[in-house]
Amino acid sequence: MTTGRITQAAGLAENAPDPTWHVTPQWRVIEHVTTGRVLLAASDTTGARERLLAAITLATALRLPHQLQRIIRASTDEPHVRDQALSRLAELRSAMAA
């Protein structure tokens, strides 16, 4: 995205083939967040929302607060996604502190 090629990045994100190799769950979260950011930049809010919500679920299950923080930063224009990520991050921090 920093290269200014949002349209090309969105095309790649929307037409990406399913991985043919095993990807660790952490990388799956990273993929969802990155793709969600690209889709938001390309104004595909529905696709972005789906990817970011999937990332929230996985990041919470895997206890990855830094990925929830990435989602929060990426979703400033998506209040539902942002609120859900903030809530899950607070829950995760509380659970980790206990």
PDB file of N, CA and C in Angstrom:
ATOM      1  N   MET A   1       0.820  -1.181   0.000  1.00  0.00           N
ATOM      2  CA  MET A   1       0.000   0.000   0.000  1.00  0.00           C
ATOM      3  C   MET A   1       0.865   1.246   0.000  1.00  0.00           C
ATOM      4  N   THR A   2       2.007   1.168   0.619  1.00  0.00           N
ATOM      5  CA  THR A   2       2.863   2.349   0.669  1.00  0.00           C
ATOM      6  C   THR A   2       3.474   2.666  -0.689  1.00  0.00           C
ATOM      7  N   THR A   3       3.365   1.736  -1.632  1.00  0.00           N
ATOM      8  CA  THR A   3       3.887   1.990  -2.974  1.00  0.00           C
ATOM      9  C   THR A   3       2.893   2.758  -3.829  1.00  0.00           C
ATOM     10  N   GLY A   4       1.660   2.958  -3.308  1.00  0.00           N
ATOM     11  CA  GLY A   4       0.652   3.691  -4.058  1.00  0.00           C
ATOM     12  C   GLY A   4      -0.094   2.843  -5.068  1.00  0.00           C
ATOM     13  N   ARG A   5       0.043   1.534  -4.980  1.00  0.00           N
ATOM     14  CA  ARG A   5      -0.624   0.653  -5.941  1.00  0.00           C
ATOM     15  C   ARG A   5      -1.790  -0.074  -5.281  1.00  0.00           C
ATOM     16  N   ILE A   6      -2.726   0.706  -4.755  1.00  0.00           N
ATOM     17  CA  ILE A   6      -3.876   0.155  -4.038  1.00  0.00           C
ATOM     18  C   ILE A   6      -4.708  -0.742  -4.947  1.00  0.00           C
ATOM     19  N   THR A   7      -4.978  -0.299  -6.167  1.00  0.00           N
ATOM     20  CA  THR A   7      -5.819  -1.070  -7.081  1.00  0.00           C
ATOM     21  C   THR A   7      -5.202  -2.436  -7.369  1.00  0.00           C
ATOM     22  N   GLN A   8      -3.907  -2.460  -7.636  1.00  0.00           N
ATOM     23  CA  GLN A   8      -3.239  -3.731  -7.899  1.00  0.00           C
ATOM     24  C   GLN A   8      -3.241  -4.617  -6.657  1.00  0.00           C
ATOM     25  N   ALA A   9      -2.994  -4.024  -5.503  1.00  0.00           N
ATOM     26  CA  ALA A   9      -2.985  -4.797  -4.260  1.00  0.00           C
ATOM     27  C   ALA A   9      -4.364  -5.375  -3.977  1.00  0.00           C
ATOM     28  N   ALA A  10      -5.411  -4.582  -4.210  1.00  0.00           N
ATOM     29  CA  ALA A  10      -6.772  -5.065  -3.984  1.00  0.00           C
ATOM     30  C   ALA A  10      -7.100  -6.203  -4.939  1.00  0.00           C
ATOM     31  N   GLY A  11      -6.679  -6.087  -6.185  1.00  0.00           N
ATOM     32  CA  GLY A  11      -6.902  -7.166  -7.150  1.00  0.00           C
ATOM     33  C   GLY A  11      -6.231  -8.451  -6.721  1.00  0.00           C
ATOM     34  N   LEU A  12      -5.019  -8.348  -6.224  1.00  0.00           N
ATOM     35  CA  LEU A  12      -4.316  -9.532  -5.726  1.00  0.00           C
ATOM     36  C   LEU A  12      -5.010 -10.110  -4.499  1.00  0.00           C
ATOM     37  N   ALA A  13      -5.466  -9.235  -3.613  1.00  0.00           N
ATOM     38  CA  ALA A  13      -6.127  -9.701  -2.390  1.00  0.00           C
ATOM     39  C   ALA A  13      -7.443 -10.399  -2.706  1.00  0.00           C
ATOM     40  N   GLU A  14      -8.198  -9.859  -3.644  1.00  0.00           N
ATOM     41  CA  GLU A  14      -9.499 -10.431  -3.977  1.00  0.00           C
ATOM     42  C   GLU A  14      -9.385 -11.727  -4.762  1.00  0.00           C
ATOM     43  N   ASN A  15      -8.307 -11.914  -5.495  1.00  0.00           N
ATOM     44  CA  ASN A  15      -8.157 -13.087  -6.353  1.00  0.00           C
ATOM     45  C   ASN A  15      -7.057 -14.026  -5.891  1.00  0.00           C
ATOM     46  N   ALA A  16      -6.679 -13.916  -4.648  1.00  0.00           N
ATOM     47  CA  ALA A  16      -5.608 -14.762  -4.135  1.00  0.00           C
ATOM     48  C   ALA A  16      -6.072 -16.212  -4.075  1.00  0.00           C
ATOM     49  N   PRO A  17      -5.249 -17.124  -4.554  1.00  0.00           N
ATOM     50  CA  PRO A  17      -5.626 -18.541  -4.472  1.00  0.00           C
ATOM     51  C   PRO A  17      -5.527 -19.030  -3.033  1.00  0.00           C
ATOM     52  N   ASP A  18      -6.245 -20.088  -2.747  1.00  0.00           N
ATOM     53  CA  ASP A  18      -6.113 -20.705  -1.433  1.00  0.00           C
ATOM     54  C   ASP A  18      -4.696 -21.243  -1.305  1.00  0.00           C
ATOM     55  N   PRO A  19      -4.116 -21.117  -0.126  1.00  0.00           N
ATOM     56  CA  PRO A  19      -2.748 -21.617   0.041  1.00  0.00           C
ATOM     57  C   PRO A  19      -2.701 -23.127  -0.173  1.00  0.00           C
ATOM     58  N   THR A  20      -1.656 -23.573  -0.835  1.00  0.00           N
ATOM     59  CA  THR A  20      -1.494 -25.005  -1.067  1.00  0.00           C
ATOM     60  C   THR A  20      -0.544 -25.620  -0.049  1.00  0.00           C
ATOM     61  N   TRP A  21      -0.047 -24.841   0.862  1.00  0.00           N
ATOM     62  CA  TRP A  21       0.828 -25.325   1.905  1.00  0.00           C
ATOM     63  C   TRP A  21       0.229 -24.951   3.254  1.00  0.00           C
ATOM     64  N   HIS A  22       0.730 -25.589   4.279  1.00  0.00           N
ATOM     65  CA  HIS A  22       0.233 -25.301   5.623  1.00  0.00           C
ATOM     66  C   HIS A  22       0.821 -23.978   6.107  1.00  0.00           C
ATOM     67  N   VAL A  23      -0.056 -23.105   6.533  1.00  0.00           N
ATOM     68  CA  VAL A  23       0.359 -21.807   7.062  1.00  0.00           C
ATOM     69  C   VAL A  23       0.038 -21.806   8.551  1.00  0.00           C
ATOM     70  N   THR A  24       0.978 -21.356   9.365  1.00  0.00           N
ATOM     71  CA  THR A  24       0.728 -21.325  10.802  1.00  0.00           C
ATOM     72  C   THR A  24      -0.416 -20.363  11.107  1.00  0.00           C
ATOM     73  N   PRO A  25      -1.150 -20.613  12.192  1.00  0.00           N
ATOM     74  CA  PRO A  25      -2.288 -19.753  12.528  1.00  0.00           C
ATOM     75  C   PRO A  25      -1.910 -18.276  12.683  1.00  0.00           C
ATOM     76  N   GLN A  26      -0.729 -18.001  13.223  1.00  0.00           N
ATOM     77  CA  GLN A  26      -0.310 -16.610  13.387  1.00  0.00           C
ATOM     78  C   GLN A  26      -0.225 -15.903  12.032  1.00  0.00           C
ATOM     79  N   TRP A  27       0.293 -16.596  11.033  1.00  0.00           N
ATOM     80  CA  TRP A  27       0.400 -15.995   9.705  1.00  0.00           C
ATOM     81  C   TRP A  27      -0.961 -15.830   9.056  1.00  0.00           C
ATOM     82  N   ARG A  28      -1.897 -16.701   9.399  1.00  0.00           N
ATOM     83  CA  ARG A  28      -3.262 -16.557   8.880  1.00  0.00           C
ATOM     84  C   ARG A  28      -3.867 -15.248   9.402  1.00  0.00           C
ATOM     85  N   VAL A  29      -3.620 -14.936  10.683  1.00  0.00           N
ATOM     86  CA  VAL A  29      -4.114 -13.678  11.256  1.00  0.00           C
ATOM     87  C   VAL A  29      -3.472 -12.492  10.539  1.00  0.00           C
ATOM     88  N   ILE A  30      -2.168 -12.552  10.359  1.00  0.00           N
ATOM     89  CA  ILE A  30      -1.455 -11.474   9.672  1.00  0.00           C
ATOM     90  C   ILE A  30      -2.017 -11.278   8.264  1.00  0.00           C
ATOM     91  N   GLU A  31      -2.284 -12.382   7.578  1.00  0.00           N
ATOM     92  CA  GLU A  31      -2.859 -12.303   6.228  1.00  0.00           C
ATOM     93  C   GLU A  31      -4.225 -11.615   6.246  1.00  0.00           C
ATOM     94  N   HIS A  32      -5.080 -12.002   7.193  1.00  0.00           N
ATOM     95  CA  HIS A  32      -6.412 -11.394   7.281  1.00  0.00           C
ATOM     96  C   HIS A  32      -6.318  -9.888   7.546  1.00  0.00           C
ATOM     97  N   VAL A  33      -5.450  -9.496   8.462  1.00  0.00           N
ATOM     98  CA  VAL A  33      -5.322  -8.070   8.795  1.00  0.00           C
ATOM     99  C   VAL A  33      -4.785  -7.288   7.595  1.00  0.00           C
ATOM    100  N   THR A  34      -3.746  -7.790   6.978  1.00  0.00           N
ATOM    101  CA  THR A  34      -3.152  -7.094   5.837  1.00  0.00           C
ATOM    102  C   THR A  34      -4.139  -6.991   4.681  1.00  0.00           C
ATOM    103  N   THR A  35      -4.825  -8.085   4.383  1.00  0.00           N
ATOM    104  CA  THR A  35      -5.813  -8.063   3.301  1.00  0.00           C
ATOM    105  C   THR A  35      -6.958  -7.121   3.647  1.00  0.00           C
ATOM    106  N   GLY A  36      -7.383  -7.119   4.897  1.00  0.00           N
ATOM    107  CA  GLY A  36      -8.432  -6.198   5.326  1.00  0.00           C
ATOM    108  C   GLY A  36      -8.031  -4.749   5.122  1.00  0.00           C
ATOM    109  N   ARG A  37      -6.798  -4.428   5.446  1.00  0.00           N
ATOM    110  CA  ARG A  37      -6.301  -3.057   5.245  1.00  0.00           C
ATOM    111  C   ARG A  37      -6.314  -2.680   3.770  1.00  0.00           C
ATOM    112  N   VAL A  38      -5.871  -3.602   2.921  1.00  0.00           N
ATOM    113  CA  VAL A  38      -5.856  -3.340   1.477  1.00  0.00           C
ATOM    114  C   VAL A  38      -7.275  -3.121   0.970  1.00  0.00           C
ATOM    115  N   LEU A  39      -8.201  -3.975   1.386  1.00  0.00           N
ATOM    116  CA  LEU A  39      -9.584  -3.852   0.925  1.00  0.00           C
ATOM    117  C   LEU A  39     -10.224  -2.555   1.421  1.00  0.00           C
ATOM    118  N   LEU A  40      -9.898  -2.139   2.643  1.00  0.00           N
ATOM    119  CA  LEU A  40     -10.401  -0.846   3.127  1.00  0.00           C
ATOM    120  C   LEU A  40      -9.881   0.296   2.258  1.00  0.00           C
ATOM    121  N   ALA A  41      -8.608   0.244   1.941  1.00  0.00           N
ATOM    122  CA  ALA A  41      -8.015   1.298   1.114  1.00  0.00           C
ATOM    123  C   ALA A  41      -8.636   1.331  -0.280  1.00  0.00           C
ATOM    124  N   ALA A  42      -9.115   0.170  -0.739  1.00  0.00           N
ATOM    125  CA  ALA A  42      -9.746   0.085  -2.062  1.00  0.00           C
ATOM    126  C   ALA A  42     -11.256   0.304  -1.986  1.00  0.00           C
ATOM    127  N   SER A  43     -11.748   0.704  -0.821  1.00  0.00           N
ATOM    128  CA  SER A  43     -13.176   0.988  -0.584  1.00  0.00           C
ATOM    129  C   SER A  43     -14.066  -0.246  -0.648  1.00  0.00           C
ATOM    130  N   ASP A  44     -13.507  -1.428  -0.439  1.00  0.00           N
ATOM    131  CA  ASP A  44     -14.307  -2.655  -0.345  1.00  0.00           C
ATOM    132  C   ASP A  44     -14.562  -2.912   1.137  1.00  0.00           C
ATOM    133  N   THR A  45     -15.509  -2.164   1.699  1.00  0.00           N
ATOM    134  CA  THR A  45     -15.738  -2.249   3.142  1.00  0.00           C
ATOM    135  C   THR A  45     -16.319  -3.593   3.557  1.00  0.00           C
ATOM    136  N   THR A  46     -17.136  -4.200   2.716  1.00  0.00           N
ATOM    137  CA  THR A  46     -17.713  -5.503   3.065  1.00  0.00           C
ATOM    138  C   THR A  46     -16.628  -6.562   3.165  1.00  0.00           C
ATOM    139  N   GLY A  47     -15.779  -6.640   2.153  1.00  0.00           N
ATOM    140  CA  GLY A  47     -14.685  -7.611   2.175  1.00  0.00           C
ATOM    141  C   GLY A  47     -13.715  -7.340   3.308  1.00  0.00           C
ATOM    142  N   ALA A  48     -13.420  -6.069   3.537  1.00  0.00           N
ATOM    143  CA  ALA A  48     -12.504  -5.698   4.616  1.00  0.00           C
ATOM    144  C   ALA A  48     -13.079  -6.093   5.966  1.00  0.00           C
ATOM    145  N   ARG A  49     -14.356  -5.809   6.159  1.00  0.00           N
ATOM    146  CA  ARG A  49     -15.008  -6.138   7.425  1.00  0.00           C
ATOM    147  C   ARG A  49     -14.939  -7.645   7.687  1.00  0.00           C
ATOM    148  N   GLU A  50     -15.210  -8.454   6.664  1.00  0.00           N
ATOM    149  CA  GLU A  50     -15.155  -9.910   6.818  1.00  0.00           C
ATOM    150  C   GLU A  50     -13.762 -10.363   7.228  1.00  0.00           C
ATOM    151  N   ARG A  51     -12.747  -9.835   6.559  1.00  0.00           N
ATOM    152  CA  ARG A  51     -11.371 -10.228   6.869  1.00  0.00           C
ATOM    153  C   ARG A  51     -10.958  -9.789   8.267  1.00  0.00           C
ATOM    154  N   LEU A  52     -11.305  -8.562   8.632  1.00  0.00           N
ATOM    155  CA  LEU A  52     -10.898  -8.051   9.941  1.00  0.00           C
ATOM    156  C   LEU A  52     -11.635  -8.754  11.073  1.00  0.00           C
ATOM    157  N   LEU A  53     -12.907  -9.073  10.880  1.00  0.00           N
ATOM    158  CA  LEU A  53     -13.642  -9.810  11.917  1.00  0.00           C
ATOM    159  C   LEU A  53     -13.077 -11.221  12.078  1.00  0.00           C
ATOM    160  N   ALA A  54     -12.701 -11.847  10.970  1.00  0.00           N
ATOM    161  CA  ALA A  54     -12.058 -13.164  11.052  1.00  0.00           C
ATOM    162  C   ALA A  54     -10.730 -13.051  11.802  1.00  0.00           C
ATOM    163  N   ALA A  55      -9.999 -11.979  11.542  1.00  0.00           N
ATOM    164  CA  ALA A  55      -8.724 -11.764  12.225  1.00  0.00           C
ATOM    165  C   ALA A  55      -8.927 -11.570  13.722  1.00  0.00           C
ATOM    166  N   ILE A  56      -9.988 -10.868  14.104  1.00  0.00           N
ATOM    167  CA  ILE A  56     -10.278 -10.669  15.529  1.00  0.00           C
ATOM    168  C   ILE A  56     -10.514 -12.010  16.210  1.00  0.00           C
ATOM    169  N   THR A  57     -11.310 -12.850  15.588  1.00  0.00           N
ATOM    170  CA  THR A  57     -11.610 -14.166  16.164  1.00  0.00           C
ATOM    171  C   THR A  57     -10.336 -14.982  16.346  1.00  0.00           C
ATOM    172  N   LEU A  58      -9.520 -15.047  15.305  1.00  0.00           N
ATOM    173  CA  LEU A  58      -8.282 -15.825  15.384  1.00  0.00           C
ATOM    174  C   LEU A  58      -7.282 -15.212  16.361  1.00  0.00           C
ATOM    175  N   ALA A  59      -7.115 -13.906  16.318  1.00  0.00           N
ATOM    176  CA  ALA A  59      -6.152 -13.247  17.209  1.00  0.00           C
ATOM    177  C   ALA A  59      -6.533 -13.440  18.669  1.00  0.00           C
ATOM    178  N   THR A  60      -7.827 -13.429  18.942  1.00  0.00           N
ATOM    179  CA  THR A  60      -8.285 -13.655  20.316  1.00  0.00           C
ATOM    180  C   THR A  60      -8.008 -15.090  20.736  1.00  0.00           C
ATOM    181  N   ALA A  61      -8.352 -16.031  19.875  1.00  0.00           N
ATOM    182  CA  ALA A  61      -8.148 -17.448  20.190  1.00  0.00           C
ATOM    183  C   ALA A  61      -6.671 -17.775  20.380  1.00  0.00           C
ATOM    184  N   LEU A  62      -5.817 -17.124  19.609  1.00  0.00           N
ATOM    185  CA  LEU A  62      -4.380 -17.388  19.676  1.00  0.00           C
ATOM    186  C   LEU A  62      -3.649 -16.482  20.662  1.00  0.00           C
ATOM    187  N   ARG A  63      -4.401 -15.580  21.295  1.00  0.00           N
ATOM    188  CA  ARG A  63      -3.834 -14.659  22.277  1.00  0.00           C
ATOM    189  C   ARG A  63      -2.719 -13.809  21.669  1.00  0.00           C
ATOM    190  N   LEU A  64      -3.095 -13.082  20.620  1.00  0.00           N
ATOM    191  CA  LEU A  64      -2.149 -12.224  19.901  1.00  0.00           C
ATOM    192  C   LEU A  64      -2.573 -10.759  20.028  1.00  0.00           C
ATOM    193  N   PRO A  65      -2.265 -10.123  21.163  1.00  0.00           N
ATOM    194  CA  PRO A  65      -2.714  -8.746  21.364  1.00  0.00           C
ATOM    195  C   PRO A  65      -2.165  -7.773  20.322  1.00  0.00           C
ATOM    196  N   HIS A  66      -0.954  -8.004  19.846  1.00  0.00           N
ATOM    197  CA  HIS A  66      -0.374  -7.086  18.862  1.00  0.00           C
ATOM    198  C   HIS A  66      -1.160  -7.100  17.551  1.00  0.00           C
ATOM    199  N   GLN A  67      -1.769  -8.236  17.206  1.00  0.00           N
ATOM    200  CA  GLN A  67      -2.590  -8.274  15.994  1.00  0.00           C
ATOM    201  C   GLN A  67      -3.918  -7.549  16.222  1.00  0.00           C
ATOM    202  N   LEU A  68      -4.453  -7.637  17.427  1.00  0.00           N
ATOM    203  CA  LEU A  68      -5.661  -6.866  17.748  1.00  0.00           C
ATOM    204  C   LEU A  68      -5.362  -5.371  17.666  1.00  0.00           C
ATOM    205  N   GLN A  69      -4.176  -4.975  18.099  1.00  0.00           N
ATOM    206  CA  GLN A  69      -3.783  -3.567  17.999  1.00  0.00           C
ATOM    207  C   GLN A  69      -3.681  -3.132  16.540  1.00  0.00           C
ATOM    208  N   ARG A  70      -3.166  -4.001  15.675  1.00  0.00           N
ATOM    209  CA  ARG A  70      -3.107  -3.682  14.234  1.00  0.00           C
ATOM    210  C   ARG A  70      -4.511  -3.485  13.674  1.00  0.00           C
ATOM    211  N   ILE A  71      -5.440  -4.337  14.100  1.00  0.00           N
ATOM    212  CA  ILE A  71      -6.824  -4.231  13.632  1.00  0.00           C
ATOM    213  C   ILE A  71      -7.426  -2.906  14.089  1.00  0.00           C
ATOM    214  N   ILE A  72      -7.180  -2.539  15.320  1.00  0.00           N
ATOM    215  CA  ILE A  72      -7.704  -1.272  15.859  1.00  0.00           C
ATOM    216  C   ILE A  72      -7.181  -0.097  15.038  1.00  0.00           C
ATOM    217  N   ARG A  73      -5.889  -0.099  14.751  1.00  0.00           N
ATOM    218  CA  ARG A  73      -5.307   0.990  13.954  1.00  0.00           C
ATOM    219  C   ARG A  73      -5.871   1.012  12.531  1.00  0.00           C
ATOM    220  N   ALA A  74      -6.135  -0.158  11.981  1.00  0.00           N
ATOM    221  CA  ALA A  74      -6.614  -0.243  10.594  1.00  0.00           C
ATOM    222  C   ALA A  74      -8.082   0.116  10.449  1.00  0.00           C
ATOM    223  N   SER A  75      -8.845  -0.018  11.515  1.00  0.00           N
ATOM    224  CA  SER A  75     -10.306   0.081  11.395  1.00  0.00           C
ATOM    225  C   SER A  75     -10.884   1.393  11.918  1.00  0.00           C
ATOM    226  N   THR A  76     -10.164   2.472  11.776  1.00  0.00           N
ATOM    227  CA  THR A  76     -10.670   3.754  12.278  1.00  0.00           C
ATOM    228  C   THR A  76     -11.973   4.166  11.609  1.00  0.00           C
ATOM    229  N   ASP A  77     -12.197   3.736  10.371  1.00  0.00           N
ATOM    230  CA  ASP A  77     -13.437   4.080   9.661  1.00  0.00           C
ATOM    231  C   ASP A  77     -14.494   2.982   9.753  1.00  0.00           C
ATOM    232  N   GLU A  78     -14.229   1.957  10.521  1.00  0.00           N
ATOM    233  CA  GLU A  78     -15.165   0.846  10.716  1.00  0.00           C
ATOM    234  C   GLU A  78     -15.426   0.689  12.217  1.00  0.00           C
ATOM    235  N   PRO A  79     -16.330   1.490  12.783  1.00  0.00           N
ATOM    236  CA  PRO A  79     -16.523   1.500  14.233  1.00  0.00           C
ATOM    237  C   PRO A  79     -16.906   0.143  14.828  1.00  0.00           C
ATOM    238  N   HIS A  80     -17.719  -0.645  14.128  1.00  0.00           N
ATOM    239  CA  HIS A  80     -18.117  -1.953  14.659  1.00  0.00           C
ATOM    240  C   HIS A  80     -16.895  -2.860  14.818  1.00  0.00           C
ATOM    241  N   VAL A  81     -16.058  -2.881  13.809  1.00  0.00           N
ATOM    242  CA  VAL A  81     -14.844  -3.702  13.852  1.00  0.00           C
ATOM    243  C   VAL A  81     -13.916  -3.182  14.939  1.00  0.00           C
ATOM    244  N   ARG A  82     -13.720  -1.886  14.969  1.00  0.00           N
ATOM    245  CA  ARG A  82     -12.826  -1.270  15.959  1.00  0.00           C
ATOM    246  C   ARG A  82     -13.304  -1.551  17.382  1.00  0.00           C
ATOM    247  N   ASP A  83     -14.605  -1.378  17.630  1.00  0.00           N
ATOM    248  CA  ASP A  83     -15.146  -1.622  18.969  1.00  0.00           C
ATOM    249  C   ASP A  83     -14.973  -3.076  19.383  1.00  0.00           C
ATOM    250  N   GLN A  84     -15.195  -3.983  18.442  1.00  0.00           N
ATOM    251  CA  GLN A  84     -15.037  -5.400  18.766  1.00  0.00           C
ATOM    252  C   GLN A  84     -13.575  -5.722  19.077  1.00  0.00           C
ATOM    253  N   ALA A  85     -12.655  -5.172  18.301  1.00  0.00           N
ATOM    254  CA  ALA A  85     -11.235  -5.407  18.553  1.00  0.00           C
ATOM    255  C   ALA A  85     -10.807  -4.809  19.892  1.00  0.00           C
ATOM    256  N   LEU A  86     -11.287  -3.612  20.204  1.00  0.00           N
ATOM    257  CA  LEU A  86     -10.971  -2.991  21.499  1.00  0.00           C
ATOM    258  C   LEU A  86     -11.487  -3.837  22.654  1.00  0.00           C
ATOM    259  N   SER A  87     -12.696  -4.346  22.515  1.00  0.00           N
ATOM    260  CA  SER A  87     -13.291  -5.178  23.557  1.00  0.00           C
ATOM    261  C   SER A  87     -12.496  -6.465  23.753  1.00  0.00           C
ATOM    262  N   ARG A  88     -12.156  -7.114  22.655  1.00  0.00           N
ATOM    263  CA  ARG A  88     -11.389  -8.366  22.749  1.00  0.00           C
ATOM    264  C   ARG A  88      -9.992  -8.124  23.314  1.00  0.00           C
ATOM    265  N   LEU A  89      -9.391  -6.993  22.967  1.00  0.00           N
ATOM    266  CA  LEU A  89      -8.070  -6.670  23.502  1.00  0.00           C
ATOM    267  C   LEU A  89      -8.148  -6.463  25.007  1.00  0.00           C
ATOM    268  N   ALA A  90      -9.165  -5.764  25.476  1.00  0.00           N
ATOM    269  CA  ALA A  90      -9.335  -5.552  26.920  1.00  0.00           C
ATOM    270  C   ALA A  90      -9.535  -6.884  27.634  1.00  0.00           C
ATOM    271  N   GLU A  91     -10.360  -7.759  27.059  1.00  0.00           N
ATOM    272  CA  GLU A  91     -10.584  -9.085  27.655  1.00  0.00           C
ATOM    273  C   GLU A  91      -9.290  -9.883  27.700  1.00  0.00           C
ATOM    274  N   LEU A  92      -8.538  -9.834  26.622  1.00  0.00           N
ATOM    275  CA  LEU A  92      -7.288 -10.579  26.544  1.00  0.00           C
ATOM    276  C   LEU A  92      -6.271 -10.057  27.551  1.00  0.00           C
ATOM    277  N   ARG A  93      -6.158  -8.754  27.666  1.00  0.00           N
ATOM    278  CA  ARG A  93      -5.232  -8.168  28.647  1.00  0.00           C
ATOM    279  C   ARG A  93      -5.617  -8.566  30.065  1.00  0.00           C
ATOM    280  N   SER A  94      -6.911  -8.546  30.345  1.00  0.00           N
ATOM    281  CA  SER A  94      -7.394  -8.927  31.667  1.00  0.00           C
ATOM    282  C   SER A  94      -7.071 -10.389  31.961  1.00  0.00           C
ATOM    283  N   ALA A  95      -7.302 -11.245  30.990  1.00  0.00           N
ATOM    284  CA  ALA A  95      -7.029 -12.675  31.172  1.00  0.00           C
ATOM    285  C   ALA A  95      -5.536 -12.939  31.343  1.00  0.00           C
ATOM    286  N   MET A  96      -4.709 -12.203  30.618  1.00  0.00           N
ATOM    287  CA  MET A  96      -3.266 -12.406  30.709  1.00  0.00           C
ATOM    288  C   MET A  96      -2.708 -11.879  32.029  1.00  0.00           C
ATOM    289  N   ALA A  97      -3.372 -10.892  32.608  1.00  0.00           N
ATOM    290  CA  ALA A  97      -2.914 -10.323  33.874  1.00  0.00           C
ATOM    291  C   ALA A  97      -3.304 -11.189  35.065  1.00  0.00           C
ATOM    292  N   ALA A  98      -4.302 -12.031  34.873  1.00  0.00           N
ATOM    293  CA  ALA A  98      -4.810 -12.855  35.985  1.00  0.00           C
ATOM    294  C   ALA A  98      -3.876 -13.984  36.329  1.00  0.00           C
TER     295      ALA A  98
END
